[in-house]
Amino acid sequence: MRNAAAEILIGLASASGPAGAEGSAARLAMELLSDYAPVRMDTMGNVIAELGDINSREHILLDAHIDEIGMVVTSVDDNGFLHVDRCGGMDRRVISGSEVFVLGTKKLTGVVGLCGGDENKAPEWENVFVDI
């Protein structure tokens, strides 16, 4: 049986929130944390939960990034492969074979593939595709 902290961490780690579209992950964080503390979101989209005496001289900050690595679909070819580009920082050398989720009207699962290029170098973005 999982405890509440584990459920919160699993929920947050499973939330979709690529760079620039963190809203749903931030709203989930607010929902999950609201059982434990007053929660608010600032104008930059940061989720803030304050526990204990806010007037205390000493404070502890727990900080985490809520966004995740993402890609943006740039086109779909005649074979149905999705051509992608980066959305935020990403190391192209390690993405081949990775399972990804395509977010749209329906959440789809895909696998990152590479075509062409030099196998001893990081692939160029024009050689990266997603097979759904």
N, C-alpha and C. Protein backbone atom coordinates (compact mmCIF):
# COMPACT_ATOMS: atom_id res chain seq x y z
N MET A 1 0.84 -1.18 0.00
CA MET A 1 0.00 0.00 0.00
C MET A 1 0.89 1.25 0.00
N ARG A 2 0.57 2.19 -0.84
CA ARG A 2 1.35 3.43 -0.95
C ARG A 2 0.85 4.45 0.07
N ASN A 3 1.78 5.28 0.55
CA ASN A 3 1.38 6.35 1.45
C ASN A 3 1.05 7.60 0.65
N ALA A 4 0.53 8.62 1.32
CA ALA A 4 0.08 9.84 0.65
C ALA A 4 1.22 10.54 -0.07
N ALA A 5 2.41 10.58 0.53
CA ALA A 5 3.55 11.26 -0.09
C ALA A 5 3.93 10.57 -1.40
N ALA A 6 3.92 9.24 -1.39
CA ALA A 6 4.24 8.49 -2.62
C ALA A 6 3.21 8.77 -3.70
N GLU A 7 1.93 8.83 -3.33
CA GLU A 7 0.88 9.12 -4.30
C GLU A 7 1.06 10.50 -4.92
N ILE A 8 1.43 11.48 -4.09
CA ILE A 8 1.66 12.83 -4.61
C ILE A 8 2.82 12.83 -5.59
N LEU A 9 3.94 12.19 -5.22
CA LEU A 9 5.10 12.17 -6.10
C LEU A 9 4.81 11.43 -7.40
N ILE A 10 4.10 10.33 -7.34
CA ILE A 10 3.75 9.58 -8.54
C ILE A 10 2.82 10.41 -9.42
N GLY A 11 1.86 11.08 -8.82
CA GLY A 11 0.94 11.93 -9.58
C GLY A 11 1.66 13.06 -10.27
N LEU A 12 2.56 13.73 -9.55
CA LEU A 12 3.29 14.85 -10.14
C LEU A 12 4.25 14.37 -11.23
N ALA A 13 4.92 13.24 -11.01
CA ALA A 13 5.85 12.73 -12.01
C ALA A 13 5.13 12.25 -13.27
N SER A 14 3.87 11.89 -13.14
CA SER A 14 3.09 11.40 -14.28
C SER A 14 2.37 12.52 -15.04
N ALA A 15 2.35 13.71 -14.49
CA ALA A 15 1.62 14.83 -15.12
C ALA A 15 2.33 15.28 -16.38
N SER A 16 1.55 15.63 -17.38
CA SER A 16 2.11 16.17 -18.62
C SER A 16 2.30 17.67 -18.47
N GLY A 17 3.51 18.14 -18.75
CA GLY A 17 3.78 19.56 -18.63
C GLY A 17 5.06 19.96 -19.35
N PRO A 18 5.09 19.82 -20.68
CA PRO A 18 6.30 20.23 -21.40
C PRO A 18 6.56 21.72 -21.26
N ALA A 19 7.80 22.13 -21.46
CA ALA A 19 8.19 23.53 -21.33
C ALA A 19 7.26 24.42 -22.13
N GLY A 20 6.73 25.43 -21.47
CA GLY A 20 5.81 26.36 -22.11
C GLY A 20 4.35 25.97 -21.97
N ALA A 21 4.09 24.75 -21.50
CA ALA A 21 2.71 24.28 -21.33
C ALA A 21 2.59 23.51 -20.02
N GLU A 22 3.09 24.11 -18.96
CA GLU A 22 3.12 23.46 -17.65
C GLU A 22 1.82 23.59 -16.87
N GLY A 23 0.83 24.28 -17.44
CA GLY A 23 -0.39 24.61 -16.72
C GLY A 23 -1.10 23.43 -16.08
N SER A 24 -1.26 22.33 -16.82
CA SER A 24 -2.00 21.20 -16.25
C SER A 24 -1.21 20.55 -15.12
N ALA A 25 0.11 20.49 -15.24
CA ALA A 25 0.92 19.94 -14.16
C ALA A 25 0.88 20.85 -12.94
N ALA A 26 0.89 22.16 -13.16
CA ALA A 26 0.83 23.12 -12.05
C ALA A 26 -0.52 23.03 -11.34
N ARG A 27 -1.60 22.91 -12.11
CA ARG A 27 -2.93 22.77 -11.49
C ARG A 27 -3.03 21.48 -10.68
N LEU A 28 -2.43 20.40 -11.19
CA LEU A 28 -2.42 19.14 -10.43
C LEU A 28 -1.62 19.31 -9.15
N ALA A 29 -0.49 20.00 -9.21
CA ALA A 29 0.31 20.24 -8.00
C ALA A 29 -0.51 21.01 -6.98
N MET A 30 -1.24 22.02 -7.43
CA MET A 30 -2.07 22.80 -6.52
C MET A 30 -3.13 21.92 -5.87
N GLU A 31 -3.76 21.08 -6.68
CA GLU A 31 -4.81 20.20 -6.17
C GLU A 31 -4.25 19.22 -5.14
N LEU A 32 -3.12 18.58 -5.46
CA LEU A 32 -2.54 17.59 -4.56
C LEU A 32 -2.01 18.20 -3.26
N LEU A 33 -1.45 19.41 -3.35
CA LEU A 33 -0.88 20.05 -2.17
C LEU A 33 -1.91 20.76 -1.31
N SER A 34 -3.08 21.06 -1.87
CA SER A 34 -4.08 21.84 -1.13
C SER A 34 -4.63 21.11 0.09
N ASP A 35 -4.48 19.80 0.15
CA ASP A 35 -4.90 19.05 1.34
C ASP A 35 -3.98 19.30 2.52
N TYR A 36 -2.78 19.85 2.27
CA TYR A 36 -1.77 19.97 3.31
C TYR A 36 -1.42 21.41 3.68
N ALA A 37 -1.73 22.34 2.77
CA ALA A 37 -1.33 23.73 3.02
C ALA A 37 -2.12 24.66 2.11
N PRO A 38 -2.22 25.94 2.49
CA PRO A 38 -2.79 26.92 1.55
C PRO A 38 -1.88 26.99 0.32
N VAL A 39 -2.47 26.98 -0.84
CA VAL A 39 -1.71 26.94 -2.09
C VAL A 39 -2.13 28.11 -2.97
N ARG A 40 -1.14 28.67 -3.66
CA ARG A 40 -1.44 29.73 -4.62
C ARG A 40 -0.50 29.61 -5.80
N MET A 41 -0.87 30.30 -6.89
CA MET A 41 -0.01 30.36 -8.06
C MET A 41 0.31 31.83 -8.31
N ASP A 42 1.59 32.13 -8.52
CA ASP A 42 1.95 33.52 -8.79
C ASP A 42 1.82 33.83 -10.28
N THR A 43 2.14 35.05 -10.66
CA THR A 43 1.95 35.48 -12.05
C THR A 43 2.87 34.76 -13.03
N MET A 44 3.95 34.15 -12.55
CA MET A 44 4.86 33.40 -13.42
C MET A 44 4.48 31.93 -13.53
N GLY A 45 3.41 31.51 -12.83
CA GLY A 45 2.98 30.12 -12.88
C GLY A 45 3.61 29.23 -11.83
N ASN A 46 4.35 29.83 -10.89
CA ASN A 46 4.94 29.06 -9.80
C ASN A 46 3.87 28.67 -8.80
N VAL A 47 3.89 27.42 -8.37
CA VAL A 47 2.97 26.93 -7.35
C VAL A 47 3.66 27.08 -6.00
N ILE A 48 2.98 27.74 -5.06
CA ILE A 48 3.56 28.02 -3.75
C ILE A 48 2.63 27.48 -2.67
N ALA A 49 3.17 26.63 -1.81
CA ALA A 49 2.44 26.12 -0.66
C ALA A 49 3.26 26.47 0.57
N GLU A 50 2.65 27.11 1.55
CA GLU A 50 3.36 27.53 2.75
C GLU A 50 2.83 26.78 3.95
N LEU A 51 3.74 26.12 4.65
CA LEU A 51 3.40 25.36 5.86
C LEU A 51 3.95 26.09 7.07
N GLY A 52 3.29 25.93 8.18
CA GLY A 52 3.82 26.46 9.43
C GLY A 52 3.65 27.96 9.55
N ASP A 53 4.47 28.54 10.42
CA ASP A 53 4.41 29.97 10.74
C ASP A 53 5.18 30.77 9.70
N ILE A 54 4.47 31.50 8.85
CA ILE A 54 5.15 32.28 7.80
C ILE A 54 5.91 33.47 8.38
N ASN A 55 5.68 33.80 9.65
CA ASN A 55 6.39 34.91 10.29
C ASN A 55 7.66 34.44 11.01
N SER A 56 7.96 33.16 10.92
CA SER A 56 9.15 32.61 11.56
C SER A 56 10.41 33.21 10.94
N ARG A 57 11.49 33.31 11.74
CA ARG A 57 12.76 33.84 11.23
C ARG A 57 13.42 32.87 10.27
N GLU A 58 13.17 31.59 10.43
CA GLU A 58 13.82 30.58 9.59
C GLU A 58 12.78 29.91 8.70
N HIS A 59 13.18 29.64 7.46
CA HIS A 59 12.29 29.00 6.49
C HIS A 59 13.06 27.92 5.75
N ILE A 60 12.35 26.94 5.29
CA ILE A 60 12.93 25.89 4.45
C ILE A 60 12.20 25.95 3.11
N LEU A 61 12.96 25.96 2.03
CA LEU A 61 12.38 25.99 0.70
C LEU A 61 12.60 24.64 0.04
N LEU A 62 11.53 24.04 -0.42
CA LEU A 62 11.61 22.84 -1.26
C LEU A 62 11.24 23.31 -2.66
N ASP A 63 12.12 23.09 -3.60
CA ASP A 63 11.97 23.64 -4.94
C ASP A 63 12.12 22.53 -5.98
N ALA A 64 11.28 22.56 -7.00
CA ALA A 64 11.39 21.56 -8.07
C ALA A 64 10.86 22.16 -9.37
N HIS A 65 11.45 21.74 -10.46
CA HIS A 65 10.93 22.13 -11.77
C HIS A 65 9.69 21.31 -12.06
N ILE A 66 8.67 21.95 -12.60
CA ILE A 66 7.44 21.23 -12.88
C ILE A 66 7.33 20.87 -14.36
N ASP A 67 8.16 21.53 -15.20
CA ASP A 67 8.08 21.20 -16.61
C ASP A 67 8.89 19.93 -16.91
N GLU A 68 8.65 19.38 -18.07
CA GLU A 68 9.36 18.18 -18.49
C GLU A 68 9.91 18.39 -19.90
N ILE A 69 10.81 17.54 -20.28
CA ILE A 69 11.37 17.61 -21.63
C ILE A 69 10.25 17.36 -22.63
N GLY A 70 10.25 18.15 -23.69
CA GLY A 70 9.20 17.99 -24.69
C GLY A 70 9.71 18.25 -26.09
N MET A 71 8.90 17.89 -27.05
CA MET A 71 9.17 18.16 -28.45
C MET A 71 7.88 18.72 -29.05
N VAL A 72 8.01 19.39 -30.17
CA VAL A 72 6.86 19.93 -30.86
C VAL A 72 6.81 19.28 -32.25
N VAL A 73 5.62 18.86 -32.65
CA VAL A 73 5.45 18.26 -33.97
C VAL A 73 5.49 19.37 -35.01
N THR A 74 6.37 19.21 -36.00
CA THR A 74 6.51 20.22 -37.05
C THR A 74 5.80 19.80 -38.33
N SER A 75 5.66 18.50 -38.55
CA SER A 75 4.95 18.01 -39.74
C SER A 75 4.66 16.52 -39.59
N VAL A 76 3.79 16.05 -40.46
CA VAL A 76 3.48 14.62 -40.53
C VAL A 76 3.74 14.21 -41.98
N ASP A 77 4.57 13.16 -42.18
CA ASP A 77 4.88 12.78 -43.56
C ASP A 77 3.83 11.82 -44.12
N ASP A 78 4.00 11.43 -45.37
CA ASP A 78 3.02 10.58 -46.07
C ASP A 78 2.88 9.20 -45.43
N ASN A 79 3.87 8.77 -44.66
CA ASN A 79 3.82 7.47 -43.98
C ASN A 79 3.25 7.58 -42.57
N GLY A 80 2.88 8.78 -42.15
CA GLY A 80 2.29 8.98 -40.83
C GLY A 80 3.29 9.23 -39.72
N PHE A 81 4.59 9.35 -40.06
CA PHE A 81 5.59 9.65 -39.05
C PHE A 81 5.53 11.13 -38.69
N LEU A 82 5.71 11.42 -37.41
CA LEU A 82 5.70 12.80 -36.94
C LEU A 82 7.13 13.33 -36.94
N HIS A 83 7.35 14.43 -37.61
CA HIS A 83 8.65 15.08 -37.57
C HIS A 83 8.58 16.11 -36.44
N VAL A 84 9.66 16.20 -35.67
CA VAL A 84 9.63 16.99 -34.43
C VAL A 84 10.83 17.92 -34.33
N ASP A 85 10.70 18.87 -33.43
CA ASP A 85 11.80 19.77 -33.07
C ASP A 85 11.76 19.90 -31.56
N ARG A 86 12.80 20.45 -30.99
CA ARG A 86 12.88 20.56 -29.52
C ARG A 86 11.94 21.63 -29.00
N CYS A 87 11.54 21.41 -27.78
CA CYS A 87 10.74 22.37 -27.03
C CYS A 87 11.44 22.48 -25.68
N GLY A 88 12.33 23.43 -25.55
CA GLY A 88 13.19 23.49 -24.38
C GLY A 88 14.46 22.71 -24.67
N GLY A 89 15.24 22.46 -23.65
CA GLY A 89 16.51 21.76 -23.84
C GLY A 89 16.32 20.25 -23.91
N MET A 90 17.10 19.61 -24.77
CA MET A 90 17.04 18.16 -24.90
C MET A 90 18.33 17.66 -25.52
N ASP A 91 18.82 16.54 -25.04
CA ASP A 91 20.02 15.92 -25.58
C ASP A 91 19.61 14.93 -26.66
N ARG A 92 19.85 15.28 -27.91
CA ARG A 92 19.44 14.44 -29.04
C ARG A 92 20.15 13.09 -29.04
N ARG A 93 21.29 12.99 -28.37
CA ARG A 93 22.07 11.75 -28.40
C ARG A 93 21.37 10.61 -27.68
N VAL A 94 20.42 10.91 -26.79
CA VAL A 94 19.85 9.84 -25.96
C VAL A 94 18.35 9.61 -26.21
N ILE A 95 17.77 10.23 -27.23
CA ILE A 95 16.32 10.11 -27.40
C ILE A 95 15.89 8.94 -28.27
N SER A 96 16.79 8.41 -29.10
CA SER A 96 16.41 7.32 -29.99
C SER A 96 15.88 6.12 -29.20
N GLY A 97 14.72 5.64 -29.58
CA GLY A 97 14.10 4.50 -28.91
C GLY A 97 13.28 4.86 -27.69
N SER A 98 13.23 6.14 -27.34
CA SER A 98 12.48 6.56 -26.16
C SER A 98 10.98 6.53 -26.43
N GLU A 99 10.23 6.09 -25.44
CA GLU A 99 8.78 6.17 -25.52
C GLU A 99 8.36 7.59 -25.21
N VAL A 100 7.43 8.12 -25.99
CA VAL A 100 6.94 9.47 -25.79
C VAL A 100 5.42 9.48 -25.85
N PHE A 101 4.84 10.54 -25.33
CA PHE A 101 3.40 10.74 -25.42
C PHE A 101 3.15 11.94 -26.31
N VAL A 102 2.23 11.78 -27.22
CA VAL A 102 1.84 12.87 -28.11
C VAL A 102 0.55 13.43 -27.55
N LEU A 103 0.58 14.72 -27.17
CA LEU A 103 -0.58 15.35 -26.57
C LEU A 103 -1.36 16.10 -27.63
N GLY A 104 -2.62 15.83 -27.72
CA GLY A 104 -3.51 16.49 -28.68
C GLY A 104 -4.93 16.28 -28.21
N THR A 105 -5.84 16.09 -29.14
CA THR A 105 -7.22 15.82 -28.73
C THR A 105 -7.32 14.48 -28.02
N LYS A 106 -6.36 13.61 -28.31
CA LYS A 106 -6.27 12.30 -27.67
C LYS A 106 -4.80 12.03 -27.38
N LYS A 107 -4.47 11.48 -26.21
CA LYS A 107 -3.09 11.19 -25.85
C LYS A 107 -2.66 9.91 -26.56
N LEU A 108 -1.59 10.00 -27.36
CA LEU A 108 -1.07 8.86 -28.11
C LEU A 108 0.31 8.49 -27.60
N THR A 109 0.67 7.23 -27.75
CA THR A 109 2.00 6.76 -27.40
C THR A 109 2.80 6.57 -28.68
N GLY A 110 4.05 6.98 -28.65
CA GLY A 110 4.93 6.81 -29.80
C GLY A 110 6.33 6.45 -29.36
N VAL A 111 7.18 6.19 -30.36
CA VAL A 111 8.59 5.86 -30.11
C VAL A 111 9.43 6.76 -31.01
N VAL A 112 10.50 7.32 -30.44
CA VAL A 112 11.39 8.18 -31.19
C VAL A 112 12.31 7.33 -32.05
N GLY A 113 12.43 7.71 -33.32
CA GLY A 113 13.32 7.03 -34.25
C GLY A 113 14.23 8.02 -34.95
N LEU A 114 15.24 7.49 -35.58
CA LEU A 114 16.19 8.32 -36.32
C LEU A 114 16.31 7.78 -37.73
N CYS A 115 16.52 8.68 -38.68
CA CYS A 115 16.77 8.26 -40.06
C CYS A 115 17.94 9.06 -40.61
N GLY A 116 18.81 8.39 -41.33
CA GLY A 116 19.94 9.10 -41.94
C GLY A 116 20.92 9.62 -40.92
N GLY A 117 21.83 10.45 -41.36
CA GLY A 117 22.80 11.05 -40.47
C GLY A 117 23.95 10.13 -40.15
N ASP A 118 24.89 10.62 -39.41
CA ASP A 118 26.08 9.89 -38.99
C ASP A 118 25.81 9.25 -37.64
N GLU A 119 25.90 7.92 -37.58
CA GLU A 119 25.58 7.22 -36.33
C GLU A 119 26.55 7.51 -35.21
N ASN A 120 27.68 8.13 -35.50
CA ASN A 120 28.66 8.48 -34.47
C ASN A 120 28.50 9.91 -33.95
N LYS A 121 27.47 10.62 -34.44
CA LYS A 121 27.22 11.99 -34.01
C LYS A 121 25.78 12.13 -33.54
N ALA A 122 25.55 13.16 -32.74
CA ALA A 122 24.18 13.44 -32.32
C ALA A 122 23.35 13.73 -33.57
N PRO A 123 22.16 13.16 -33.67
CA PRO A 123 21.34 13.37 -34.87
C PRO A 123 20.87 14.82 -34.98
N GLU A 124 20.77 15.29 -36.19
CA GLU A 124 20.17 16.60 -36.42
C GLU A 124 18.66 16.45 -36.28
N TRP A 125 17.97 17.52 -35.93
CA TRP A 125 16.53 17.45 -35.70
C TRP A 125 15.78 16.99 -36.95
N GLU A 126 16.28 17.31 -38.14
CA GLU A 126 15.56 16.87 -39.35
C GLU A 126 15.62 15.36 -39.54
N ASN A 127 16.46 14.66 -38.77
CA ASN A 127 16.54 13.20 -38.84
C ASN A 127 15.80 12.50 -37.70
N VAL A 128 15.11 13.25 -36.85
CA VAL A 128 14.39 12.69 -35.71
C VAL A 128 12.90 12.64 -36.06
N PHE A 129 12.26 11.51 -35.76
CA PHE A 129 10.82 11.37 -36.01
C PHE A 129 10.19 10.57 -34.88
N VAL A 130 8.87 10.61 -34.82
CA VAL A 130 8.12 9.81 -33.85
C VAL A 130 7.19 8.90 -34.61
N ASP A 131 7.24 7.63 -34.29
CA ASP A 131 6.36 6.62 -34.89
C ASP A 131 5.23 6.35 -33.89
N ILE A 132 4.00 6.67 -34.32
CA ILE A 132 2.86 6.43 -33.45
C ILE A 132 2.05 5.24 -33.93
